[in-house]
């Protein structure tokens, strides 16, 4: 990943990308070429030296059964947004501004492990469901569904775990702009209803030494 020094993601940003409820594109190189699946995941910090990303795919998805050549890759995407040059204070000063795109992302590399074990899958599904249901007033639980139905659903999926070996992460959030330009970006994103992207820009704002 191309990461200029001023866009290098700080550890807190990487941690947020790993732990906030979201999905990632799992990419593997196989004898039949590149395969990719978008899937929700749970980050387990205690699995392996650098933790792991755990999820599951449909049993009919052939990606899990194709032997991966080398590392697998999970691409995690945070909030992203178009940035209009009209938001910059410097547009009125000299006009030498162009549009850009703000985003946070992490490329997570590691060894892909397949889990075709009902107990592992049951734990994974419960952790994943708990992560995403946590904000609901009346969270749904796996135990709310009939046991035989859940057993059948578990037989239809296969667990995938990316045991992490390295992470490359980038946070391109207007850090190279002036204070006034950053103010304009934050205001512009809020005006467009992109509050998460605006909060990311505000949090990444360079602090005076």
C-alpha atoms as a PDB file:
ATOM      1  CA  UNK A   1       0.000   0.000   0.000  1.00  0.00           C
ATOM      2  CA  UNK A   2       1.240   3.500  -0.841  1.00  0.00           C
ATOM      3  CA  UNK A   3       1.294   5.384   2.474  1.00  0.00           C
ATOM      4  CA  UNK A   4       2.866   8.876   2.606  1.00  0.00           C
ATOM      5  CA  UNK A   5       4.177   9.627   6.093  1.00  0.00           C
ATOM      6  CA  UNK A   6       1.482  12.225   6.832  1.00  0.00           C
ATOM      7  CA  UNK A   7      -1.248   9.683   6.008  1.00  0.00           C
ATOM      8  CA  UNK A   8       0.140   6.809   8.071  1.00  0.00           C
ATOM      9  CA  UNK A   9      -2.579   5.441  10.359  1.00  0.00           C
ATOM     10  CA  UNK A  10      -1.874   5.738  14.082  1.00  0.00           C
ATOM     11  CA  UNK A  11      -2.383   2.641  16.295  1.00  0.00           C
ATOM     12  CA  UNK A  12      -5.744   3.930  17.561  1.00  0.00           C
ATOM     13  CA  UNK A  13      -7.057   4.140  13.987  1.00  0.00           C
ATOM     14  CA  UNK A  14      -5.873   0.613  13.224  1.00  0.00           C
ATOM     15  CA  UNK A  15      -7.537  -0.649  16.402  1.00  0.00           C
ATOM     16  CA  UNK A  16     -10.787   1.059  15.413  1.00  0.00           C
ATOM     17  CA  UNK A  17     -10.710  -0.520  11.954  1.00  0.00           C
ATOM     18  CA  UNK A  18     -10.212  -3.955  13.495  1.00  0.00           C
ATOM     19  CA  UNK A  19     -12.741  -3.755  16.310  1.00  0.00           C
ATOM     20  CA  UNK A  20     -15.641  -1.597  15.118  1.00  0.00           C
ATOM     21  CA  UNK A  21     -18.488  -3.695  13.640  1.00  0.00           C
ATOM     22  CA  UNK A  22     -17.918  -3.831   9.890  1.00  0.00           C
ATOM     23  CA  UNK A  23     -17.137  -6.177   7.000  1.00  0.00           C
ATOM     24  CA  UNK A  24     -13.982  -6.856   5.005  1.00  0.00           C
ATOM     25  CA  UNK A  25     -13.137  -8.218   1.579  1.00  0.00           C
ATOM     26  CA  UNK A  26     -11.254 -11.501   2.007  1.00  0.00           C
ATOM     27  CA  UNK A  27      -8.953 -12.025  -0.991  1.00  0.00           C
ATOM     28  CA  UNK A  28      -7.032 -15.224  -1.749  1.00  0.00           C
ATOM     29  CA  UNK A  29      -4.844 -16.338  -4.633  1.00  0.00           C
ATOM     30  CA  UNK A  30      -5.847 -19.831  -5.740  1.00  0.00           C
ATOM     31  CA  UNK A  31      -4.968 -22.175  -8.613  1.00  0.00           C
ATOM     32  CA  UNK A  32      -7.992 -20.689 -10.397  1.00  0.00           C
ATOM     33  CA  UNK A  33      -6.931 -17.074  -9.864  1.00  0.00           C
ATOM     34  CA  UNK A  34      -7.980 -14.443  -7.344  1.00  0.00           C
ATOM     35  CA  UNK A  35     -11.122 -15.057  -5.290  1.00  0.00           C
ATOM     36  CA  UNK A  36     -12.798 -12.521  -2.999  1.00  0.00           C
ATOM     37  CA  UNK A  37     -15.708 -12.504  -0.569  1.00  0.00           C
ATOM     38  CA  UNK A  38     -17.152  -9.629   1.455  1.00  0.00           C
ATOM     39  CA  UNK A  39     -17.874 -10.908   4.965  1.00  0.00           C
ATOM     40  CA  UNK A  40     -18.442  -9.523   8.463  1.00  0.00           C
ATOM     41  CA  UNK A  41     -15.763 -10.472  10.949  1.00  0.00           C
ATOM     42  CA  UNK A  42     -14.784 -10.446  14.599  1.00  0.00           C
ATOM     43  CA  UNK A  43     -11.274  -9.445  15.645  1.00  0.00           C
ATOM     44  CA  UNK A  44      -9.750 -11.813  18.218  1.00  0.00           C
ATOM     45  CA  UNK A  45      -6.628 -10.210  19.764  1.00  0.00           C
ATOM     46  CA  UNK A  46      -5.678 -13.427  21.565  1.00  0.00           C
ATOM     47  CA  UNK A  47      -5.482 -15.677  18.513  1.00  0.00           C
ATOM     48  CA  UNK A  48      -1.903 -15.670  17.229  1.00  0.00           C
ATOM     49  CA  UNK A  49       0.865 -13.134  17.788  1.00  0.00           C
ATOM     50  CA  UNK A  50      -1.058 -10.286  16.128  1.00  0.00           C
ATOM     51  CA  UNK A  51      -4.594 -11.562  16.581  1.00  0.00           C
ATOM     52  CA  UNK A  52      -6.932 -12.861  13.899  1.00  0.00           C
ATOM     53  CA  UNK A  53     -10.044 -11.977  11.920  1.00  0.00           C
ATOM     54  CA  UNK A  54     -12.746 -14.623  12.255  1.00  0.00           C
ATOM     55  CA  UNK A  55     -15.811 -15.069  10.099  1.00  0.00           C
ATOM     56  CA  UNK A  56     -17.667 -17.593   7.994  1.00  0.00           C
ATOM     57  CA  UNK A  57     -18.739 -18.190   4.416  1.00  0.00           C
ATOM     58  CA  UNK A  58     -21.466 -20.254   2.784  1.00  0.00           C
ATOM     59  CA  UNK A  59     -20.443 -23.869   2.319  1.00  0.00           C
ATOM     60  CA  UNK A  60     -21.293 -23.479  -1.377  1.00  0.00           C
ATOM     61  CA  UNK A  61     -18.754 -20.650  -1.667  1.00  0.00           C
ATOM     62  CA  UNK A  62     -15.752 -22.382  -3.260  1.00  0.00           C
ATOM     63  CA  UNK A  63     -13.238 -19.875  -1.875  1.00  0.00           C
ATOM     64  CA  UNK A  64     -12.848 -21.785   1.386  1.00  0.00           C
ATOM     65  CA  UNK A  65     -12.053 -25.067  -0.380  1.00  0.00           C
ATOM     66  CA  UNK A  66      -9.511 -23.618  -2.825  1.00  0.00           C
ATOM     67  CA  UNK A  67      -5.964 -23.864  -1.403  1.00  0.00           C
ATOM     68  CA  UNK A  68      -4.555 -20.354  -0.960  1.00  0.00           C
ATOM     69  CA  UNK A  69      -1.139 -19.667  -2.462  1.00  0.00           C
ATOM     70  CA  UNK A  70       0.801 -17.579   0.056  1.00  0.00           C
ATOM     71  CA  UNK A  71      -0.806 -14.988   2.304  1.00  0.00           C
ATOM     72  CA  UNK A  72      -4.484 -14.170   2.279  1.00  0.00           C
ATOM     73  CA  UNK A  73      -5.562 -10.526   2.439  1.00  0.00           C
ATOM     74  CA  UNK A  74      -8.484  -8.852   4.182  1.00  0.00           C
ATOM     75  CA  UNK A  75      -9.253  -5.307   3.031  1.00  0.00           C
ATOM     76  CA  UNK A  76     -11.032  -3.307   5.719  1.00  0.00           C
ATOM     77  CA  UNK A  77     -12.627  -0.018   4.734  1.00  0.00           C
ATOM     78  CA  UNK A  78     -13.550   2.727   7.186  1.00  0.00           C
ATOM     79  CA  UNK A  79     -15.587   5.818   6.434  1.00  0.00           C
ATOM     80  CA  UNK A  80     -14.811   7.435   3.076  1.00  0.00           C
ATOM     81  CA  UNK A  81     -16.054  10.582   1.391  1.00  0.00           C
ATOM     82  CA  UNK A  82     -15.640  12.922  -1.549  1.00  0.00           C
ATOM     83  CA  UNK A  83     -14.007  16.237  -0.612  1.00  0.00           C
ATOM     84  CA  UNK A  84     -15.013  19.262  -2.658  1.00  0.00           C
ATOM     85  CA  UNK A  85     -12.409  21.998  -3.244  1.00  0.00           C
ATOM     86  CA  UNK A  86     -15.193  24.515  -2.640  1.00  0.00           C
ATOM     87  CA  UNK A  87     -14.922  23.641   1.069  1.00  0.00           C
ATOM     88  CA  UNK A  88     -11.343  24.905   1.305  1.00  0.00           C
ATOM     89  CA  UNK A  89     -10.680  28.424   2.574  1.00  0.00           C
ATOM     90  CA  UNK A  90      -7.639  28.420   0.276  1.00  0.00           C
ATOM     91  CA  UNK A  91      -9.925  28.281  -2.788  1.00  0.00           C
ATOM     92  CA  UNK A  92     -10.818  31.929  -2.214  1.00  0.00           C
ATOM     93  CA  UNK A  93      -7.180  32.813  -1.538  1.00  0.00           C
ATOM     94  CA  UNK A  94      -5.478  31.395  -4.646  1.00  0.00           C
ATOM     95  CA  UNK A  95      -7.759  28.830  -6.326  1.00  0.00           C
ATOM     96  CA  UNK A  96      -5.022  26.200  -6.577  1.00  0.00           C
ATOM     97  CA  UNK A  97      -7.166  23.369  -5.199  1.00  0.00           C
ATOM     98  CA  UNK A  98      -8.669  20.194  -6.651  1.00  0.00           C
ATOM     99  CA  UNK A  99     -11.142  17.532  -5.465  1.00  0.00           C
ATOM    100  CA  UNK A 100      -9.929  14.528  -3.494  1.00  0.00           C
ATOM    101  CA  UNK A 101     -11.206  11.503  -1.599  1.00  0.00           C
ATOM    102  CA  UNK A 102     -10.787  10.940   2.144  1.00  0.00           C
ATOM    103  CA  UNK A 103     -10.751   7.454   3.631  1.00  0.00           C
ATOM    104  CA  UNK A 104      -9.311   5.057   6.181  1.00  0.00           C
ATOM    105  CA  UNK A 105      -8.358   1.525   5.227  1.00  0.00           C
ATOM    106  CA  UNK A 106      -6.289  -1.409   6.435  1.00  0.00           C
ATOM    107  CA  UNK A 107      -4.756  -4.238   4.433  1.00  0.00           C
ATOM    108  CA  UNK A 108      -4.521  -7.197   6.797  1.00  0.00           C
ATOM    109  CA  UNK A 109      -2.279 -10.056   5.682  1.00  0.00           C
ATOM    110  CA  UNK A 110      -2.039 -13.512   7.176  1.00  0.00           C
ATOM    111  CA  UNK A 111      -2.491 -17.252   7.004  1.00  0.00           C
ATOM    112  CA  UNK A 112      -5.994 -18.476   6.228  1.00  0.00           C
ATOM    113  CA  UNK A 113      -7.273 -21.272   8.484  1.00  0.00           C
ATOM    114  CA  UNK A 114     -10.499 -23.144   7.704  1.00  0.00           C
ATOM    115  CA  UNK A 115     -12.777 -24.310  10.550  1.00  0.00           C
ATOM    116  CA  UNK A 116     -15.343 -26.980   9.694  1.00  0.00           C
ATOM    117  CA  UNK A 117     -16.236 -27.592  13.321  1.00  0.00           C
ATOM    118  CA  UNK A 118     -19.771 -26.965  14.638  1.00  0.00           C
ATOM    119  CA  UNK A 119     -18.520 -25.843  18.070  1.00  0.00           C
ATOM    120  CA  UNK A 120     -16.096 -23.302  16.588  1.00  0.00           C
ATOM    121  CA  UNK A 121     -18.793 -22.044  14.237  1.00  0.00           C
ATOM    122  CA  UNK A 122     -21.326 -21.766  17.048  1.00  0.00           C
ATOM    123  CA  UNK A 123     -18.908 -19.627  19.078  1.00  0.00           C
ATOM    124  CA  UNK A 124     -18.055 -17.481  16.060  1.00  0.00           C
ATOM    125  CA  UNK A 125     -21.673 -16.856  15.105  1.00  0.00           C
ATOM    126  CA  UNK A 126     -22.548 -15.949  18.688  1.00  0.00           C
ATOM    127  CA  UNK A 127     -19.617 -13.509  18.939  1.00  0.00           C
ATOM    128  CA  UNK A 128     -20.441 -11.945  15.583  1.00  0.00           C
ATOM    129  CA  UNK A 129     -24.123 -11.616  16.424  1.00  0.00           C
ATOM    130  CA  UNK A 130     -23.339 -10.157  19.853  1.00  0.00           C
ATOM    131  CA  UNK A 131     -21.032  -7.568  18.299  1.00  0.00           C
ATOM    132  CA  UNK A 132     -23.661  -6.320  15.859  1.00  0.00           C
ATOM    133  CA  UNK A 133     -26.708  -6.640  18.137  1.00  0.00           C
ATOM    134  CA  UNK A 134     -25.083  -4.765  21.036  1.00  0.00           C
ATOM    135  CA  UNK A 135     -26.638  -1.421  20.093  1.00  0.00           C
ATOM    136  CA  UNK A 136     -30.216  -2.694  19.827  1.00  0.00           C
ATOM    137  CA  UNK A 137     -32.795  -2.051  22.531  1.00  0.00           C
ATOM    138  CA  UNK A 138     -33.811  -5.726  22.357  1.00  0.00           C
ATOM    139  CA  UNK A 139     -30.788  -7.629  21.013  1.00  0.00           C
ATOM    140  CA  UNK A 140     -31.480 -10.812  19.086  1.00  0.00           C
ATOM    141  CA  UNK A 141     -29.700 -13.912  20.370  1.00  0.00           C
ATOM    142  CA  UNK A 142     -28.876 -17.182  18.631  1.00  0.00           C
ATOM    143  CA  UNK A 143     -30.889 -18.842  21.398  1.00  0.00           C
ATOM    144  CA  UNK A 144     -34.018 -17.001  20.194  1.00  0.00           C
ATOM    145  CA  UNK A 145     -34.194 -19.392  17.234  1.00  0.00           C
ATOM    146  CA  UNK A 146     -35.064 -23.118  17.469  1.00  0.00           C
ATOM    147  CA  UNK A 147     -32.032 -25.280  18.173  1.00  0.00           C
ATOM    148  CA  UNK A 148     -32.616 -27.632  15.225  1.00  0.00           C
ATOM    149  CA  UNK A 149     -32.922 -24.654  12.879  1.00  0.00           C
ATOM    150  CA  UNK A 150     -29.617 -23.179  14.096  1.00  0.00           C
ATOM    151  CA  UNK A 151     -27.919 -26.575  13.762  1.00  0.00           C
ATOM    152  CA  UNK A 152     -29.027 -26.705  10.148  1.00  0.00           C
ATOM    153  CA  UNK A 153     -27.799 -23.189   9.484  1.00  0.00           C
ATOM    154  CA  UNK A 154     -24.394 -24.036  10.979  1.00  0.00           C
ATOM    155  CA  UNK A 155     -24.074 -27.026   8.653  1.00  0.00           C
ATOM    156  CA  UNK A 156     -24.516 -24.637   5.717  1.00  0.00           C
ATOM    157  CA  UNK A 157     -21.463 -22.494   6.577  1.00  0.00           C
ATOM    158  CA  UNK A 158     -17.716 -22.936   7.034  1.00  0.00           C
ATOM    159  CA  UNK A 159     -15.501 -20.906   9.366  1.00  0.00           C
ATOM    160  CA  UNK A 160     -12.592 -18.822   8.077  1.00  0.00           C
ATOM    161  CA  UNK A 161      -9.869 -17.307  10.241  1.00  0.00           C
ATOM    162  CA  UNK A 162      -7.149 -14.982   9.009  1.00  0.00           C
ATOM    163  CA  UNK A 163      -4.249 -15.335  11.451  1.00  0.00           C
ATOM    164  CA  UNK A 164      -2.590 -11.937  11.094  1.00  0.00           C
ATOM    165  CA  UNK A 165       1.076 -11.590  10.181  1.00  0.00           C
ATOM    166  CA  UNK A 166       1.168  -7.886   9.254  1.00  0.00           C
ATOM    167  CA  UNK A 167      -1.070  -4.870   8.774  1.00  0.00           C
ATOM    168  CA  UNK A 168      -0.638  -1.902   6.442  1.00  0.00           C
ATOM    169  CA  UNK A 169      -3.022   0.948   7.198  1.00  0.00           C
ATOM    170  CA  UNK A 170      -3.693   4.409   5.828  1.00  0.00           C
ATOM    171  CA  UNK A 171      -5.776   7.341   7.048  1.00  0.00           C
ATOM    172  CA  UNK A 172      -6.085  10.001   4.328  1.00  0.00           C
ATOM    173  CA  UNK A 173      -8.054  12.613   6.249  1.00  0.00           C
ATOM    174  CA  UNK A 174      -6.947  16.077   5.061  1.00  0.00           C
ATOM    175  CA  UNK A 175      -3.919  16.105   7.392  1.00  0.00           C
ATOM    176  CA  UNK A 176      -1.947  17.885   4.645  1.00  0.00           C
ATOM    177  CA  UNK A 177      -4.338  20.850   4.540  1.00  0.00           C
ATOM    178  CA  UNK A 178      -4.298  24.076   6.548  1.00  0.00           C
ATOM    179  CA  UNK A 179      -6.346  24.521   9.727  1.00  0.00           C
ATOM    180  CA  UNK A 180      -8.863  26.660   7.836  1.00  0.00           C
ATOM    181  CA  UNK A 181      -9.179  24.093   5.040  1.00  0.00           C
ATOM    182  CA  UNK A 182      -9.724  21.294   7.566  1.00  0.00           C
ATOM    183  CA  UNK A 183     -12.457  23.366   9.222  1.00  0.00           C
ATOM    184  CA  UNK A 184     -14.127  23.657   5.821  1.00  0.00           C
ATOM    185  CA  UNK A 185     -13.899  19.910   5.172  1.00  0.00           C
ATOM    186  CA  UNK A 186     -15.439  19.071   8.560  1.00  0.00           C
ATOM    187  CA  UNK A 187     -18.280  21.541   7.990  1.00  0.00           C
ATOM    188  CA  UNK A 188     -18.843  20.322   4.437  1.00  0.00           C
ATOM    189  CA  UNK A 189     -19.040  16.674   5.448  1.00  0.00           C
ATOM    190  CA  UNK A 190     -21.450  17.453   8.265  1.00  0.00           C
ATOM    191  CA  UNK A 191     -23.630  19.412   5.830  1.00  0.00           C
ATOM    192  CA  UNK A 192     -23.813  16.336   3.575  1.00  0.00           C
ATOM    193  CA  UNK A 193     -24.788  14.093   6.491  1.00  0.00           C
ATOM    194  CA  UNK A 194     -21.447  12.287   6.590  1.00  0.00           C
ATOM    195  CA  UNK A 195     -20.882  12.630  10.304  1.00  0.00           C
ATOM    196  CA  UNK A 196     -18.564   9.610  10.663  1.00  0.00           C
ATOM    197  CA  UNK A 197     -16.248  10.893   7.943  1.00  0.00           C
ATOM    198  CA  UNK A 198     -16.320  14.362   9.522  1.00  0.00           C
ATOM    199  CA  UNK A 199     -15.449  12.933  12.941  1.00  0.00           C
ATOM    200  CA  UNK A 200     -12.520  11.029  11.437  1.00  0.00           C
ATOM    201  CA  UNK A 201     -11.147  14.238   9.879  1.00  0.00           C
ATOM    202  CA  UNK A 202     -11.547  16.091  13.164  1.00  0.00           C
ATOM    203  CA  UNK A 203      -9.804  13.353  15.122  1.00  0.00           C
ATOM    204  CA  UNK A 204      -6.903  13.160  12.672  1.00  0.00           C
ATOM    205  CA  UNK A 205      -6.347  16.931  12.673  1.00  0.00           C
ATOM    206  CA  UNK A 206      -2.623  17.607  13.255  1.00  0.00           C
ATOM    207  CA  UNK A 207      -1.980  19.035  16.710  1.00  0.00           C
ATOM    208  CA  UNK A 208       0.398  21.969  17.289  1.00  0.00           C
ATOM    209  CA  UNK A 209       3.751  20.922  18.715  1.00  0.00           C
END
